[in-house]
Amino acid sequence: MSRQLASKWLKTAALLKYPVAAVHIPQTKAFNSGNLLNMLSHYGMVYIKPVVGGGGYGVIRVSGSGGAYRYTHMKITRSFTQFDQMYRSLIRVKARRRYLIQQGIHLATIQGRPIDYRVKVVKTERGWVFRSMVGRLARPGLVVTNLSKGGTMLSGRRALALSLPHISGKHKRREMRSLTLTCTHIMESQFPGVGQLGFDYGLDHSGKIWILEVNTRPQ
């Protein structure tokens, strides 16, 4: 049976050990008041995510600085004039779950809807092989792209052509495959026994590839 890892912290920390992967990972810190305020001051927008969990559940987009703060959870956006007010509200929303803060990446979009990519690999007797590369287009009004949350699946080729028409889609697909193989070997060396992996990639408007998450039980 393929080894499974639930903690986003554990998987992120493993990849951060290797510069070839680390340059593609958004800054990630533990969720607390000081870290959230500092990252908002630096990036303007961040995502907070449960350390354990998937399917886009519990993901919250937070933005703001000075006297204007807001967060979006599912389709609900709340605004605040003070950081402390917003932070107290976030504490209530997240309840007792452990959260992390991830640098917000302004993803390329299609008609204003964010899109990201899932690349899945599995280990066979012949070694690691690619199973799929698809784009996931967020449902209108949502900040997550997960299909379980109403996202739309597109082929990787079509998703790149529609979201980044000024960039070579063929080159980006090749780049994602190369990064996937590199990170797969890292994950296998750090966690012997993994047999399937799903890499969630986001591309910003310049075409840079960001590793948003790694799944050991990809759907």
Protein backbone atom coordinates (compact mmCIF):
# COMPACT_ATOMS: atom_id res chain seq x y z
CA MET A 1 0.00 0.00 0.00
CA SER A 2 1.29 3.46 -0.90
CA ARG A 3 2.53 5.55 2.02
CA GLN A 4 0.37 8.57 2.82
CA LEU A 5 1.33 11.84 4.48
CA ALA A 6 -1.30 14.23 5.78
CA SER A 7 0.77 17.14 7.10
CA LYS A 8 1.40 20.01 4.68
CA TRP A 9 4.23 21.13 6.98
CA LEU A 10 6.05 17.83 6.65
CA LYS A 11 5.89 17.76 2.86
CA THR A 12 6.82 21.43 2.46
CA ALA A 13 9.79 21.08 4.83
CA ALA A 14 11.10 18.10 2.84
CA LEU A 15 11.10 20.03 -0.45
CA LEU A 16 12.59 23.17 1.13
CA LYS A 17 15.79 21.23 1.86
CA TYR A 18 16.57 21.26 -1.86
CA PRO A 19 17.20 24.62 -3.60
CA VAL A 20 15.97 23.28 -6.95
CA ALA A 21 12.52 22.85 -5.38
CA ALA A 22 12.66 25.62 -2.77
CA VAL A 23 12.69 28.40 -5.39
CA HIS A 24 9.22 27.25 -6.47
CA ILE A 25 7.66 27.18 -2.99
CA PRO A 26 5.74 30.22 -1.69
CA GLN A 27 6.93 31.44 1.70
CA THR A 28 5.14 29.43 4.38
CA LYS A 29 4.88 30.12 8.11
CA ALA A 30 2.90 28.97 11.13
CA PHE A 31 -0.40 30.74 11.66
CA ASN A 32 -0.23 33.34 14.40
CA SER A 33 -0.91 37.05 14.72
CA GLY A 34 2.67 38.23 14.23
CA ASN A 35 3.36 36.07 11.19
CA LEU A 36 0.06 37.01 9.56
CA LEU A 37 0.63 40.74 10.02
CA ASN A 38 4.21 40.52 8.74
CA MET A 39 3.28 38.49 5.67
CA LEU A 40 0.38 40.79 4.82
CA SER A 41 2.72 43.77 5.11
CA HIS A 42 5.16 42.08 2.74
CA TYR A 43 2.86 40.40 0.21
CA GLY A 44 -0.49 42.16 0.57
CA MET A 45 -2.33 38.85 0.16
CA VAL A 46 -1.90 35.39 1.67
CA TYR A 47 -3.76 32.11 1.99
CA ILE A 48 -4.26 30.36 5.29
CA LYS A 49 -4.77 26.61 5.09
CA PRO A 50 -5.36 23.75 7.53
CA VAL A 51 -2.11 21.85 8.18
CA VAL A 52 -4.08 18.64 7.65
CA GLY A 53 -6.87 18.52 5.11
CA GLY A 54 -7.63 18.59 1.42
CA GLY A 55 -10.25 19.32 -1.18
CA GLY A 56 -9.99 23.06 -0.59
CA TYR A 57 -11.81 22.75 2.74
CA GLY A 58 -10.97 25.51 5.21
CA VAL A 59 -8.82 27.54 2.81
CA ILE A 60 -9.15 31.30 3.43
CA ARG A 61 -7.75 34.18 1.36
CA VAL A 62 -6.65 37.14 3.49
CA SER A 63 -5.61 40.56 2.19
CA GLY A 64 -5.04 44.09 3.35
CA SER A 65 -2.80 46.58 5.12
CA GLY A 66 -3.19 49.80 7.05
CA GLY A 67 -6.87 50.39 7.78
CA ALA A 68 -8.41 47.94 5.34
CA TYR A 69 -8.38 44.18 5.87
CA ARG A 70 -10.55 41.42 4.47
CA TYR A 71 -10.80 37.69 4.14
CA THR A 72 -12.77 35.40 1.86
CA HIS A 73 -13.93 31.98 3.02
CA MET A 74 -15.99 30.08 0.47
CA LYS A 75 -18.14 32.82 -1.12
CA ILE A 76 -18.30 35.04 1.96
CA THR A 77 -16.03 38.09 2.21
CA ARG A 78 -15.73 40.04 5.44
CA SER A 79 -14.06 43.45 5.77
CA PHE A 80 -12.44 45.10 8.80
CA THR A 81 -10.82 48.42 9.65
CA GLN A 82 -8.43 46.92 12.19
CA PHE A 83 -6.13 43.92 11.97
CA ASP A 84 -6.98 42.71 15.48
CA GLN A 85 -10.69 42.59 14.62
CA MET A 86 -10.00 40.46 11.58
CA TYR A 87 -7.63 38.17 13.46
CA ARG A 88 -10.21 37.46 16.17
CA SER A 89 -12.75 36.61 13.49
CA LEU A 90 -10.30 34.24 11.78
CA ILE A 91 -9.67 32.48 15.08
CA ARG A 92 -13.39 31.76 15.33
CA VAL A 93 -13.58 30.51 11.73
CA LYS A 94 -10.61 28.17 11.97
CA ALA A 95 -11.78 26.82 15.35
CA ARG A 96 -9.26 24.39 16.87
CA ARG A 97 -7.61 23.32 13.64
CA ARG A 98 -3.90 23.99 13.12
CA TYR A 99 -3.28 26.37 10.24
CA LEU A 100 -0.35 27.63 8.21
CA ILE A 101 0.09 30.85 6.22
CA GLN A 102 1.20 30.69 2.59
CA GLN A 103 2.39 33.60 0.49
CA GLY A 104 -0.41 34.60 -1.86
CA ILE A 105 0.28 33.95 -5.53
CA HIS A 106 -1.72 35.98 -8.04
CA LEU A 107 -2.59 33.13 -10.36
CA ALA A 108 -3.18 33.47 -14.07
CA THR A 109 -6.89 33.51 -14.81
CA ILE A 110 -9.47 32.68 -17.46
CA GLN A 111 -12.25 35.28 -17.58
CA GLY A 112 -11.28 36.40 -14.09
CA ARG A 113 -11.37 32.88 -12.61
CA PRO A 114 -8.10 31.53 -11.12
CA ILE A 115 -6.66 28.37 -12.61
CA ASP A 116 -4.07 25.94 -11.30
CA TYR A 117 -2.75 22.53 -12.36
CA ARG A 118 -2.69 18.99 -10.98
CA VAL A 119 0.07 16.70 -12.22
CA LYS A 120 -0.25 13.09 -11.07
CA VAL A 121 2.46 10.42 -11.09
CA VAL A 122 2.39 6.81 -9.91
CA LYS A 123 5.14 4.27 -9.32
CA THR A 124 4.99 1.09 -11.38
CA GLU A 125 7.38 -1.78 -12.03
CA ARG A 126 8.92 0.43 -14.71
CA GLY A 127 9.44 3.30 -12.28
CA TRP A 128 7.53 6.57 -11.96
CA VAL A 129 5.15 7.37 -14.80
CA PHE A 130 2.89 10.32 -15.54
CA ARG A 131 -0.83 9.70 -15.26
CA SER A 132 -2.29 13.13 -15.98
CA MET A 133 -1.77 16.88 -16.24
CA VAL A 134 -4.96 18.91 -15.99
CA GLY A 135 -6.00 22.48 -15.34
CA ARG A 136 -8.57 23.24 -12.63
CA LEU A 137 -10.60 26.39 -13.14
CA ALA A 138 -12.20 27.90 -10.04
CA ARG A 139 -15.96 28.13 -9.83
CA PRO A 140 -17.05 31.79 -10.27
CA GLY A 141 -16.76 33.64 -6.97
CA LEU A 142 -14.55 31.06 -5.23
CA VAL A 143 -10.85 31.34 -4.37
CA VAL A 144 -10.20 27.56 -4.55
CA THR A 145 -10.05 25.53 -7.76
CA ASN A 146 -10.85 22.07 -6.39
CA LEU A 147 -13.25 20.04 -8.50
CA SER A 148 -15.07 19.02 -5.31
CA LYS A 149 -15.86 22.72 -4.83
CA GLY A 150 -17.34 23.14 -8.28
CA GLY A 151 -14.14 23.73 -10.25
CA THR A 152 -13.98 22.87 -13.95
CA MET A 153 -11.36 20.50 -15.36
CA LEU A 154 -9.52 21.43 -18.56
CA SER A 155 -6.66 19.76 -20.37
CA GLY A 156 -3.30 21.22 -19.42
CA ARG A 157 -2.77 22.30 -23.02
CA ARG A 158 -6.07 24.20 -23.22
CA ALA A 159 -5.71 25.74 -19.75
CA LEU A 160 -2.30 27.20 -20.61
CA ALA A 161 -3.45 28.46 -24.01
CA LEU A 162 -6.41 30.32 -22.49
CA SER A 163 -4.73 31.68 -19.35
CA LEU A 164 -1.25 32.54 -20.66
CA PRO A 165 -1.58 32.96 -24.44
CA HIS A 166 1.67 34.97 -24.65
CA ILE A 167 3.76 32.08 -23.25
CA SER A 168 4.68 28.79 -24.93
CA GLY A 169 2.35 26.19 -23.47
CA LYS A 170 4.55 23.39 -24.77
CA HIS A 171 7.54 24.79 -22.87
CA LYS A 172 5.52 25.20 -19.66
CA ARG A 173 4.17 21.65 -19.83
CA ARG A 174 7.71 20.37 -20.27
CA GLU A 175 8.87 22.52 -17.35
CA MET A 176 6.09 21.17 -15.09
CA ARG A 177 6.96 17.58 -16.02
CA SER A 178 10.64 18.17 -15.28
CA LEU A 179 9.89 19.80 -11.92
CA THR A 180 7.50 16.95 -11.09
CA LEU A 181 10.17 14.31 -11.68
CA THR A 182 12.70 16.25 -9.59
CA CYS A 183 10.28 16.67 -6.69
CA THR A 184 9.07 13.08 -6.97
CA HIS A 185 12.60 11.79 -6.42
CA ILE A 186 12.99 14.15 -3.45
CA MET A 187 9.74 12.97 -1.90
CA GLU A 188 10.66 9.32 -2.40
CA SER A 189 14.07 9.84 -0.81
CA GLN A 190 12.52 11.61 2.18
CA PHE A 191 9.49 9.33 2.53
CA PRO A 192 10.26 5.80 1.31
CA GLY A 193 7.13 3.92 0.37
CA VAL A 194 5.21 6.68 -1.39
CA GLY A 195 3.66 5.22 -4.52
CA GLN A 196 1.56 8.03 -5.94
CA LEU A 197 1.86 11.81 -5.86
CA GLY A 198 -0.24 14.71 -7.03
CA PHE A 199 1.50 18.07 -7.44
CA ASP A 200 -0.64 21.20 -7.41
CA TYR A 201 1.03 23.97 -9.38
CA GLY A 202 0.07 27.60 -9.79
CA LEU A 203 1.40 29.81 -12.56
CA ASP A 204 1.50 33.54 -11.98
CA HIS A 205 1.01 36.13 -14.72
CA SER A 206 4.69 35.97 -15.67
CA GLY A 207 4.48 32.19 -16.10
CA LYS A 208 6.55 31.26 -13.05
CA ILE A 209 5.62 27.85 -11.65
CA TRP A 210 4.80 27.68 -7.94
CA ILE A 211 4.34 24.48 -5.93
CA LEU A 212 1.11 25.08 -4.01
CA GLU A 213 0.74 21.63 -2.47
CA VAL A 214 1.81 17.99 -2.74
CA ASN A 215 -0.70 15.18 -2.21
CA THR A 216 0.11 11.56 -1.43
CA ARG A 217 -3.48 10.48 -2.08
CA PRO A 218 -4.38 12.45 -5.21
CA GLN A 219 -7.94 12.13 -6.51
